[in-house]
Amino acid sequence: MVLRTVFCKLKPTYLSLYSSGFKFIPTSIIQNVLNRPPCGNFIRLPIVSIASYATRTTTKTTEKSGLNATKAKIILALNFQSAEDALPYYKLPLKTLIHVLRITKNDESKGYCKNRLYYIASRLKLPPSVLSEKLAKRTFIYGLSFDWIEKALDVLIEMNVASDRILRDLWVLKYHHETIHERLLKVKNLGIDNLYPWMVRCSEDILNRYITISTETKDILGETNSKQTYLANRLNVSVDTVQEMCYKIPALKAIRVTKVKHFLDFLESEGFDVEEIANKPRVLSASQKTVKKRLDTLRNLGLKEINLNVLCRSKKDFKKYCESIESLSDQGK
């Protein structure tokens, strides 16, 4: 329509000039377009009946209401003690809810429990409202026999696995109680007291590596039994000072004792004293391999006294630092 309006303003002379000068579109074609009735330029749209649309919308709303009502009836039959406990179950598909209802009624008829949520919560001494959210996402619990769950919980509780750990890793309940006992006993017999559900699920290689690290950690810590106390002793500072270091450098909290020990040994062997390390503890959060490589680089550039903070700079900053040293060396020649 805009094109038509523009061309209508043009005189035939200009149309001829446009056609002959640029030879894009003949004048006859342009005139033909201009002479077409306006209705020919419109796209015909289907007319949707308002009544039809309203009917479809009402049908969908009715179906949804019916589904919610069905869910509500099923959830009401699941023996929840509060609306808060039941709330996460409304998110479950109808088919899953029907399965949960069937299992719940079977448990109830056999005298096991009225709802697995409250049974597991009582065994783990956890608030049902906290467990409910997790259980609604781990509906495989309703695919296991009650006896299976009971025996798995017996072993986990007997082995002093923390309830909050089990809550975060309910998958452990899928494993046979004998497997759980065998795995956890293996770890416990090696003097490792803190047991976790993932130890049951992980591969043998990962478990053996964890055992090796834990055993080495225990040997390093000795009677101190604390990473912060060990670090304080190695650096000849107070525990409060180490805590302040960890506050300023959060990465220090996550460093394994084995890494701290090997790193400190390495730095001391490279000529750094403990006082210097204590004043610049950020280096301990870096990679020992990277620090070693950077030490070699700086020494090859002729540096004898090296600041520990330089060793844990970003890759870009360290490169600039090296370039500045090279530049100074070139000027001195």
Protein backbone atom coordinates (compact mmCIF):
# COMPACT_ATOMS: atom_id res chain seq x y z
CA MET A 1 0.00 0.00 0.00
CA VAL A 2 2.85 2.37 0.78
CA LEU A 3 4.42 1.59 -2.60
CA ARG A 4 1.15 2.38 -4.36
CA THR A 5 0.79 5.70 -2.59
CA VAL A 6 4.30 6.76 -3.55
CA PHE A 7 3.88 5.84 -7.20
CA CYS A 8 0.50 7.55 -7.42
CA LYS A 9 2.22 10.82 -6.62
CA LEU A 10 4.59 10.40 -9.53
CA LYS A 11 3.77 11.74 -12.97
CA PRO A 12 4.02 9.46 -16.02
CA THR A 13 7.16 11.34 -17.08
CA TYR A 14 8.94 10.33 -13.92
CA LEU A 15 7.70 6.79 -14.27
CA SER A 16 9.12 6.63 -17.79
CA LEU A 17 12.38 8.15 -16.60
CA TYR A 18 12.59 5.63 -13.77
CA SER A 19 11.96 2.76 -16.16
CA SER A 20 14.36 3.87 -18.89
CA GLY A 21 17.09 5.15 -16.59
CA PHE A 22 17.41 2.13 -14.34
CA LYS A 23 15.62 -0.50 -16.44
CA PHE A 24 14.46 -2.34 -13.35
CA ILE A 25 10.71 -2.44 -13.86
CA PRO A 26 8.79 -1.47 -17.04
CA THR A 27 6.29 1.40 -16.70
CA SER A 28 3.44 -0.84 -17.79
CA ILE A 29 4.03 -3.19 -14.88
CA ILE A 30 4.13 -0.32 -12.40
CA GLN A 31 0.89 1.11 -13.82
CA ASN A 32 -0.67 -2.34 -13.63
CA VAL A 33 0.19 -2.57 -9.94
CA LEU A 34 -1.21 0.87 -9.28
CA ASN A 35 -4.45 0.10 -11.08
CA ARG A 36 -5.20 -3.03 -9.03
CA PRO A 37 -8.07 -2.73 -6.58
CA PRO A 38 -6.92 -2.37 -2.96
CA CYS A 39 -8.60 -5.60 -1.89
CA GLY A 40 -6.17 -7.53 -4.06
CA ASN A 41 -3.30 -6.52 -1.79
CA PHE A 42 -4.79 -7.89 1.42
CA ILE A 43 -4.21 -11.33 2.93
CA ARG A 44 -7.40 -13.12 3.74
CA LEU A 45 -7.45 -14.27 7.38
CA PRO A 46 -9.65 -17.06 8.69
CA ILE A 47 -12.40 -15.87 10.99
CA VAL A 48 -12.33 -17.69 14.31
CA SER A 49 -15.63 -18.07 16.03
CA ILE A 50 -15.58 -16.53 19.49
CA ALA A 51 -18.04 -19.13 20.64
CA SER A 52 -15.79 -21.93 19.35
CA TYR A 53 -12.73 -20.47 21.10
CA ALA A 54 -14.65 -20.06 24.35
CA THR A 55 -15.85 -23.66 24.14
CA ARG A 56 -12.32 -25.01 23.68
CA THR A 57 -11.00 -22.87 26.55
CA THR A 58 -13.81 -23.99 28.84
CA THR A 59 -13.16 -27.63 27.94
CA LYS A 60 -9.46 -27.35 28.80
CA THR A 61 -10.23 -25.61 32.07
CA THR A 62 -12.77 -28.27 32.96
CA GLU A 63 -10.31 -31.06 32.16
CA LYS A 64 -7.62 -29.42 34.30
CA SER A 65 -10.04 -28.94 37.17
CA GLY A 66 -11.07 -32.56 36.90
CA LEU A 67 -7.42 -33.69 36.96
CA ASN A 68 -6.67 -31.58 40.03
CA ALA A 69 -9.74 -32.92 41.77
CA THR A 70 -8.64 -36.50 41.05
CA LYS A 71 -5.15 -35.77 42.37
CA ALA A 72 -6.62 -34.21 45.50
CA LYS A 73 -8.71 -37.31 46.19
CA ILE A 74 -5.68 -39.60 45.80
CA ILE A 75 -3.45 -37.42 47.98
CA LEU A 76 -6.18 -37.29 50.62
CA ALA A 77 -6.06 -41.10 50.73
CA LEU A 78 -2.27 -41.14 51.30
CA ASN A 79 -2.62 -40.45 55.04
CA PHE A 80 -0.65 -37.21 55.11
CA GLN A 81 -0.61 -35.56 58.50
CA SER A 82 -0.47 -32.01 57.17
CA ALA A 83 -1.13 -30.07 53.99
CA GLU A 84 2.51 -28.96 53.98
CA ASP A 85 3.71 -32.56 53.83
CA ALA A 86 1.35 -33.33 50.94
CA LEU A 87 2.09 -30.25 48.85
CA PRO A 88 5.08 -31.61 46.83
CA TYR A 89 3.00 -34.61 45.74
CA TYR A 90 0.62 -32.41 43.75
CA LYS A 91 3.44 -31.97 41.22
CA LEU A 92 3.49 -35.68 40.44
CA PRO A 93 1.77 -37.09 37.34
CA LEU A 94 -1.54 -38.83 37.93
CA LYS A 95 -0.09 -42.20 36.92
CA THR A 96 2.68 -41.87 39.53
CA LEU A 97 0.21 -40.85 42.22
CA ILE A 98 -1.92 -43.91 41.51
CA HIS A 99 1.19 -46.09 41.92
CA VAL A 100 2.07 -44.34 45.20
CA LEU A 101 -1.48 -44.90 46.44
CA ARG A 102 -1.36 -48.60 45.58
CA ILE A 103 1.94 -49.08 47.44
CA THR A 104 0.75 -47.02 50.41
CA LYS A 105 -2.43 -49.05 50.77
CA ASN A 106 -0.42 -52.27 50.49
CA ASP A 107 1.96 -51.11 53.26
CA GLU A 108 -1.02 -50.14 55.39
CA SER A 109 -2.84 -53.43 54.90
CA LYS A 110 0.27 -55.39 55.90
CA GLY A 111 0.86 -53.23 58.97
CA TYR A 112 4.18 -51.76 57.80
CA CYS A 113 3.30 -48.08 57.92
CA LYS A 114 0.58 -45.66 56.88
CA ASN A 115 2.91 -43.59 54.71
CA ARG A 116 6.55 -44.22 53.78
CA LEU A 117 7.29 -40.53 54.23
CA TYR A 118 6.64 -40.71 57.97
CA TYR A 119 8.35 -44.06 58.36
CA ILE A 120 11.61 -42.86 56.78
CA ALA A 121 11.39 -39.49 58.57
CA SER A 122 11.04 -41.24 61.93
CA ARG A 123 13.98 -43.55 61.22
CA LEU A 124 16.22 -40.66 60.16
CA LYS A 125 14.82 -38.28 62.79
CA LEU A 126 14.06 -35.65 60.17
CA PRO A 127 11.06 -33.30 59.83
CA PRO A 128 8.55 -34.86 57.39
CA SER A 129 8.11 -31.53 55.62
CA VAL A 130 11.83 -31.53 54.74
CA LEU A 131 11.82 -35.13 53.55
CA SER A 132 8.58 -34.73 51.59
CA GLU A 133 10.16 -32.48 48.96
CA LYS A 134 12.95 -35.00 48.41
CA LEU A 135 10.70 -38.05 48.38
CA ALA A 136 8.39 -36.52 45.77
CA LYS A 137 11.44 -36.27 43.49
CA ARG A 138 12.68 -39.78 44.31
CA THR A 139 9.56 -41.80 43.66
CA PHE A 140 11.66 -44.93 43.11
CA ILE A 141 11.20 -45.31 46.88
CA TYR A 142 7.69 -46.52 46.07
CA GLY A 143 9.10 -49.10 43.69
CA LEU A 144 11.12 -50.83 46.42
CA SER A 145 9.72 -53.36 48.82
CA PHE A 146 9.21 -52.17 52.38
CA ASP A 147 11.56 -54.88 53.64
CA TRP A 148 14.29 -53.63 51.27
CA ILE A 149 14.01 -50.06 52.57
CA GLU A 150 13.88 -51.17 56.19
CA LYS A 151 17.05 -53.27 55.96
CA ALA A 152 18.94 -50.58 54.04
CA LEU A 153 18.06 -48.00 56.69
CA ASP A 154 19.05 -50.43 59.45
CA VAL A 155 22.56 -50.73 58.02
CA LEU A 156 23.00 -47.00 57.37
CA ILE A 157 21.89 -46.09 60.88
CA GLU A 158 23.98 -48.86 62.43
CA MET A 159 27.06 -47.56 60.58
CA ASN A 160 26.36 -44.03 61.86
CA VAL A 161 25.83 -42.44 58.46
CA ALA A 162 24.49 -38.94 59.14
CA SER A 163 20.79 -38.44 58.41
CA ASP A 164 21.37 -35.25 56.47
CA ARG A 165 23.77 -37.15 54.21
CA ILE A 166 21.17 -39.83 53.53
CA LEU A 167 18.59 -37.11 52.86
CA ARG A 168 20.83 -35.60 50.18
CA ASP A 169 21.56 -39.00 48.65
CA LEU A 170 18.43 -41.14 48.86
CA TRP A 171 19.71 -43.16 45.90
CA VAL A 172 21.69 -45.23 48.39
CA LEU A 173 18.41 -46.93 49.37
CA LYS A 174 18.34 -48.61 45.96
CA TYR A 175 21.31 -50.75 46.97
CA HIS A 176 20.97 -54.09 48.72
CA HIS A 177 21.61 -53.90 52.45
CA GLU A 178 24.47 -56.41 52.19
CA THR A 179 26.22 -54.27 49.57
CA ILE A 180 25.80 -51.18 51.75
CA HIS A 181 27.20 -52.99 54.78
CA GLU A 182 30.14 -54.47 52.87
CA ARG A 183 31.21 -51.14 51.37
CA LEU A 184 30.87 -49.09 54.55
CA LEU A 185 32.54 -51.73 56.71
CA LYS A 186 35.53 -51.79 54.35
CA VAL A 187 36.00 -48.05 54.84
CA LYS A 188 35.37 -48.15 58.58
CA ASN A 189 37.90 -50.94 59.16
CA LEU A 190 40.57 -48.69 57.67
CA GLY A 191 40.04 -46.18 60.46
CA ILE A 192 37.80 -43.76 58.57
CA ASP A 193 34.98 -42.65 60.83
CA ASN A 194 33.02 -40.30 58.57
CA LEU A 195 30.95 -42.51 56.28
CA TYR A 196 28.89 -41.20 53.36
CA PRO A 197 26.23 -42.73 51.09
CA TRP A 198 28.30 -42.02 47.98
CA MET A 199 30.83 -44.57 49.22
CA VAL A 200 28.27 -47.25 48.45
CA ARG A 201 27.56 -45.97 44.94
CA CYS A 202 31.02 -44.99 43.67
CA SER A 203 33.45 -47.19 41.74
CA GLU A 204 36.17 -49.18 43.48
CA ASP A 205 38.85 -46.89 42.04
CA ILE A 206 37.26 -43.75 43.50
CA LEU A 207 36.70 -45.44 46.85
CA ASN A 208 40.28 -46.69 47.02
CA ARG A 209 41.60 -43.24 46.14
CA TYR A 210 39.50 -41.69 48.90
CA ILE A 211 40.76 -44.28 51.37
CA THR A 212 44.38 -43.55 50.39
CA ILE A 213 43.93 -39.80 50.82
CA SER A 214 42.06 -40.21 54.11
CA THR A 215 44.71 -42.54 55.52
CA GLU A 216 47.48 -40.15 54.49
CA THR A 217 45.55 -37.22 55.97
CA LYS A 218 45.18 -39.03 59.26
CA ASP A 219 48.91 -39.74 59.35
CA ILE A 220 49.74 -36.09 58.59
CA LEU A 221 47.39 -34.61 61.17
CA GLY A 222 48.39 -37.02 63.91
CA GLU A 223 46.88 -36.01 67.21
CA THR A 224 45.97 -32.51 66.05
CA ASN A 225 43.04 -33.89 64.01
CA SER A 226 42.56 -30.44 62.46
CA LYS A 227 43.81 -28.94 59.22
CA GLN A 228 43.93 -25.45 60.69
CA THR A 229 45.95 -26.61 63.69
CA TYR A 230 48.34 -28.45 61.39
CA LEU A 231 48.79 -25.39 59.18
CA ALA A 232 49.33 -23.19 62.23
CA ASN A 233 52.04 -25.53 63.49
CA ARG A 234 53.77 -25.65 60.11
CA LEU A 235 53.74 -21.87 59.65
CA ASN A 236 54.54 -21.06 63.29
CA VAL A 237 51.42 -18.94 63.68
CA SER A 238 48.31 -19.15 65.85
CA VAL A 239 45.13 -20.97 64.87
CA ASP A 240 43.36 -17.59 64.90
CA THR A 241 45.81 -16.35 62.27
CA VAL A 242 45.05 -19.37 60.10
CA GLN A 243 41.33 -18.77 60.50
CA GLU A 244 41.85 -15.18 59.36
CA MET A 245 43.78 -16.47 56.34
CA CYS A 246 40.88 -18.76 55.45
CA TYR A 247 38.45 -15.88 55.80
CA LYS A 248 40.47 -13.71 53.42
CA ILE A 249 41.25 -16.60 51.07
CA PRO A 250 38.20 -18.93 51.07
CA ALA A 251 39.97 -21.38 48.74
CA LEU A 252 42.21 -22.39 51.63
CA LYS A 253 39.25 -23.98 53.40
CA ALA A 254 38.77 -26.50 50.61
CA ILE A 255 42.42 -27.52 50.23
CA ARG A 256 43.17 -31.07 51.32
CA VAL A 257 45.69 -31.59 54.09
CA THR A 258 47.75 -33.78 51.78
CA LYS A 259 48.11 -30.93 49.29
CA VAL A 260 49.02 -28.46 52.03
CA LYS A 261 51.70 -30.79 53.33
CA HIS A 262 53.26 -31.51 49.93
CA PHE A 263 53.02 -27.86 48.87
CA LEU A 264 54.72 -26.59 52.02
CA ASP A 265 57.47 -29.19 51.63
CA PHE A 266 57.96 -28.09 48.03
CA LEU A 267 58.12 -24.35 48.83
CA GLU A 268 60.60 -24.91 51.63
CA SER A 269 62.76 -27.02 49.33
CA GLU A 270 62.70 -24.13 46.84
CA GLY A 271 64.17 -21.80 49.44
CA PHE A 272 61.09 -20.04 50.83
CA ASP A 273 60.92 -19.85 54.62
CA VAL A 274 57.73 -20.39 56.62
CA GLU A 275 57.51 -16.75 57.64
CA GLU A 276 57.39 -15.65 54.01
CA ILE A 277 54.74 -18.28 53.23
CA ALA A 278 52.71 -17.19 56.26
CA ASN A 279 52.81 -13.58 55.03
CA LYS A 280 51.73 -14.60 51.52
CA PRO A 281 49.49 -17.66 52.04
CA ARG A 282 47.58 -17.12 48.78
CA VAL A 283 50.24 -19.17 47.03
CA LEU A 284 48.87 -22.28 48.77
CA SER A 285 45.63 -21.96 46.82
CA ALA A 286 47.51 -22.14 43.51
CA SER A 287 48.52 -25.24 41.61
CA GLN A 288 51.86 -26.65 42.69
CA LYS A 289 52.58 -27.62 39.11
CA THR A 290 51.95 -24.05 37.91
CA VAL A 291 54.06 -22.58 40.70
CA LYS A 292 56.94 -24.90 39.83
CA LYS A 293 56.73 -23.94 36.16
CA ARG A 294 56.66 -20.22 36.97
CA LEU A 295 59.60 -20.50 39.33
CA ASP A 296 61.63 -22.09 36.55
CA THR A 297 60.55 -19.35 34.13
CA LEU A 298 61.53 -16.52 36.46
CA ARG A 299 64.86 -18.09 37.34
CA ASN A 300 65.63 -18.55 33.67
CA LEU A 301 65.04 -14.80 33.32
CA GLY A 302 67.74 -14.22 35.92
CA LEU A 303 65.61 -13.51 38.99
CA LYS A 304 67.01 -14.72 42.29
CA GLU A 305 64.55 -13.16 44.73
CA ILE A 306 61.00 -14.07 43.83
CA ASN A 307 57.84 -12.72 45.44
CA LEU A 308 55.39 -15.51 46.21
CA ASN A 309 52.43 -13.37 45.18
CA VAL A 310 53.82 -13.22 41.64
CA LEU A 311 53.58 -16.99 41.41
CA CYS A 312 49.81 -17.01 41.90
CA ARG A 313 48.93 -14.16 39.56
CA SER A 314 46.59 -14.69 36.63
CA LYS A 315 48.09 -16.09 33.45
CA LYS A 316 47.76 -12.72 31.72
CA ASP A 317 49.35 -10.76 34.57
CA PHE A 318 52.20 -13.22 34.93
CA LYS A 319 52.93 -12.96 31.21
CA LYS A 320 53.05 -9.16 31.46
CA TYR A 321 55.36 -9.43 34.46
CA CYS A 322 57.74 -11.67 32.51
CA GLU A 323 57.65 -9.33 29.52
CA SER A 324 58.54 -6.37 31.74
CA ILE A 325 61.55 -8.27 33.11
CA GLU A 326 62.67 -9.17 29.59
CA SER A 327 62.29 -5.53 28.56
CA LEU A 328 64.47 -4.37 31.46
CA SER A 329 67.05 -7.01 30.61
CA ASP A 330 67.19 -5.82 27.00
CA GLN A 331 67.66 -2.21 28.11
CA GLY A 332 70.53 -3.20 30.37
CA LYS A 333 72.44 -4.82 27.53
